[in-house]
Protein backbone atom coordinates (compact mmCIF):
# COMPACT_ATOMS: atom_id res chain seq x y z
CA MET A 1 0.00 0.00 0.00
CA GLU A 2 1.28 3.44 -0.85
CA ASP A 3 -0.62 5.35 1.85
CA ALA A 4 1.07 6.80 4.93
CA HIS A 5 -0.43 8.07 8.16
CA ASP A 6 0.44 10.12 11.23
CA PHE A 7 -1.32 10.80 14.50
CA GLN A 8 -0.16 12.86 17.43
CA HIS A 9 -1.76 13.29 20.81
CA ASP A 10 -1.27 16.69 22.46
CA PHE A 11 -0.25 18.11 19.08
CA ASP A 12 2.05 21.11 19.28
CA ASN A 13 2.26 20.56 23.06
CA VAL A 14 -1.39 21.48 23.57
CA PRO A 15 -3.06 18.98 25.94
CA GLY A 16 -6.07 17.35 24.33
CA GLN A 17 -5.32 18.68 20.84
CA GLY A 18 -4.86 15.94 18.26
CA TYR A 19 -3.39 15.67 14.79
CA PHE A 20 -4.72 12.84 12.61
CA ALA A 21 -3.84 12.38 8.95
CA ILE A 22 -3.77 9.82 6.15
CA PHE A 23 -1.83 10.65 3.01
CA ASP A 24 -2.76 8.85 -0.19
CA GLY A 25 0.18 7.85 -2.37
CA HIS A 26 -1.60 8.18 -5.74
CA ALA A 27 1.64 8.54 -7.66
CA GLY A 28 3.87 6.47 -5.36
CA LYS A 29 4.83 6.37 -1.74
CA PHE A 30 7.46 9.15 -1.83
CA ALA A 31 4.89 11.96 -1.56
CA ALA A 32 2.76 10.16 1.04
CA GLU A 33 5.77 9.43 3.24
CA TRP A 34 7.11 12.97 2.79
CA CYS A 35 3.76 14.38 3.92
CA ARG A 36 3.68 11.99 6.89
CA ASP A 37 7.13 13.22 7.94
CA ASN A 38 6.65 16.96 7.28
CA MET A 39 3.01 18.07 7.20
CA SER A 40 2.52 18.36 10.97
CA GLU A 41 5.54 20.65 11.25
CA ILE A 42 4.25 22.88 8.45
CA LEU A 43 0.84 23.02 10.16
CA SER A 44 2.44 23.85 13.51
CA GLU A 45 4.41 26.73 11.99
CA GLU A 46 1.35 28.08 10.20
CA LEU A 47 -0.68 27.99 13.42
CA LYS A 48 2.09 29.85 15.28
CA THR A 49 2.48 32.55 12.64
CA SER A 50 -1.28 33.01 12.07
CA PRO A 51 -3.08 32.06 15.31
CA ASP A 52 -6.22 34.06 14.51
CA MET A 53 -6.60 32.97 10.87
CA ASP A 54 -9.67 30.99 9.80
CA VAL A 55 -8.87 27.27 9.82
CA ARG A 56 -9.80 26.93 6.12
CA GLU A 57 -7.24 29.58 5.22
CA VAL A 58 -4.66 27.94 7.49
CA MET A 59 -5.15 24.59 5.78
CA LYS A 60 -4.98 26.17 2.33
CA ASN A 61 -1.66 27.79 3.26
CA VAL A 62 -0.35 24.53 4.71
CA PHE A 63 -1.17 22.60 1.54
CA LEU A 64 0.36 25.28 -0.69
CA LYS A 65 3.57 25.34 1.39
CA ALA A 66 3.72 21.55 1.47
CA ASP A 67 3.16 21.38 -2.29
CA ASP A 68 5.97 23.85 -2.92
CA GLN A 69 8.38 22.03 -0.59
CA LEU A 70 7.38 18.60 -1.91
CA GLU A 71 8.03 19.64 -5.52
CA THR A 72 11.54 20.75 -4.44
CA GLU A 73 12.20 17.51 -2.53
CA SER A 74 10.83 15.40 -5.39
CA ALA A 75 13.17 17.14 -7.80
CA LYS A 76 16.17 16.49 -5.52
CA ALA A 77 15.26 12.81 -5.09
CA GLY A 78 14.53 12.38 -8.80
CA SER A 79 17.69 14.20 -9.77
CA LYS A 80 19.81 11.89 -7.63
CA ARG A 81 18.19 8.75 -9.07
CA ILE A 82 18.58 9.98 -12.64
CA THR A 83 22.20 11.11 -12.33
CA GLU A 84 23.21 7.91 -10.50
CA LYS A 85 22.05 6.02 -13.59
CA GLY A 86 24.04 8.28 -15.93
CA GLY A 87 21.13 10.51 -16.96
CA PHE A 88 20.63 14.28 -16.78
CA LEU A 89 17.85 16.77 -16.11
CA LEU A 90 16.62 19.55 -18.37
CA ASN A 91 14.35 21.06 -15.72
CA ASN A 92 14.87 20.81 -11.98
CA ARG A 93 11.27 21.58 -11.00
CA VAL A 94 8.60 18.95 -10.59
CA ASN A 95 5.07 20.10 -11.32
CA GLY A 96 2.43 18.55 -9.08
CA ASP A 97 -0.74 16.97 -10.39
CA PHE A 98 -3.32 19.51 -9.24
CA SER A 99 -6.18 17.30 -10.40
CA MET A 100 -5.42 15.05 -7.39
CA LYS A 101 -5.96 17.85 -4.86
CA GLU A 102 -9.68 17.18 -4.41
CA PHE A 103 -10.75 15.78 -1.05
CA VAL A 104 -12.03 12.27 -1.76
CA LEU A 105 -12.87 9.58 0.78
CA TRP A 106 -13.60 6.59 -1.43
CA ASP A 107 -15.33 5.83 -4.63
CA VAL A 108 -18.24 3.92 -3.02
CA VAL A 109 -18.82 5.45 0.45
CA SER A 110 -19.58 9.12 1.08
CA ASP A 111 -18.19 10.99 4.08
CA GLN A 112 -21.57 11.02 5.83
CA ASP A 113 -22.22 7.35 5.08
CA ALA A 114 -18.87 6.49 6.65
CA VAL A 115 -19.68 8.53 9.77
CA ASP A 116 -23.11 6.95 10.07
CA PHE A 117 -21.65 3.47 9.56
CA VAL A 118 -18.88 3.69 12.20
CA SER A 119 -20.94 5.61 14.78
CA LYS A 120 -22.87 2.40 15.44
CA ILE A 121 -19.70 0.48 16.41
CA ALA A 122 -18.11 1.31 19.78
CA GLU A 123 -14.62 -0.20 19.30
CA PRO A 124 -12.51 1.90 16.87
CA GLN A 125 -10.48 -1.03 15.48
CA GLN A 126 -13.64 -3.02 14.82
CA ALA A 127 -15.26 0.05 13.25
CA ALA A 128 -12.30 0.50 10.89
CA SER A 129 -12.27 -3.18 9.92
CA SER A 130 -16.03 -3.22 9.35
CA LEU A 131 -15.95 -0.06 7.25
CA LEU A 132 -13.11 -1.44 5.13
CA LYS A 133 -15.06 -4.67 4.59
CA HIS A 134 -18.16 -2.61 3.68
CA ALA A 135 -16.21 -0.59 1.08
CA LEU A 136 -14.71 -3.73 -0.43
CA GLU A 137 -18.13 -5.43 -0.58
CA LYS A 138 -19.37 -2.43 -2.57
CA PHE A 139 -16.47 -3.08 -4.98
CA SER A 140 -14.29 -0.11 -4.13
CA THR A 141 -11.50 0.28 -6.67
CA ASP A 142 -9.48 2.58 -4.42
CA ASN A 143 -6.74 1.43 -2.08
CA THR A 144 -8.39 2.27 1.22
CA SER A 145 -6.84 3.33 4.53
CA ILE A 146 -9.08 4.03 7.49
CA MET A 147 -8.35 5.86 10.73
CA ILE A 148 -11.11 6.11 13.32
CA VAL A 149 -10.78 9.03 15.73
CA ARG A 150 -13.18 9.06 18.66
CA PHE A 151 -13.75 12.35 20.42
CA ASN A 152 -14.86 12.47 24.03
CA GLN A 153 -18.38 13.73 24.24
CA THR A 154 -20.03 15.31 27.21
CA PRO A 155 -23.49 13.95 27.97
CA LYS A 156 -26.32 16.11 26.67
CA GLU A 157 -28.68 17.54 29.25
CA PRO A 158 -32.26 16.21 29.00
């Protein structure tokens, strides 16, 4: 599988704040692993420099910065592989595939369907396994990674 994931409790040293991410390796595992290893740091820096910014704008900035840095790292890694084999580069910049930047869960289960499905199962590992089985039974053609994050809820007053 070419996906990579990261999760951090008390993200950025804030008790109770979590960071949960799955990175899909559409074009290979290099980008997914790079994001796993670098995205949380980029997010942390963006939150520190823009603490009052709307979260949507923060995330947009994070993805743009990550994309720029990833293209540079991809070029370095590609350059090394090519030159080690006796080749050469005409352009040292890698252009990302912007068509892959849409937020997609799977091809057969919508976001809300996934939430509804797992909310009925108390144990997170069982919920993830059941949801994966459900997606495969519906003939998903995507390689699927699932991370269940349960948030503590306070009881609602009657």
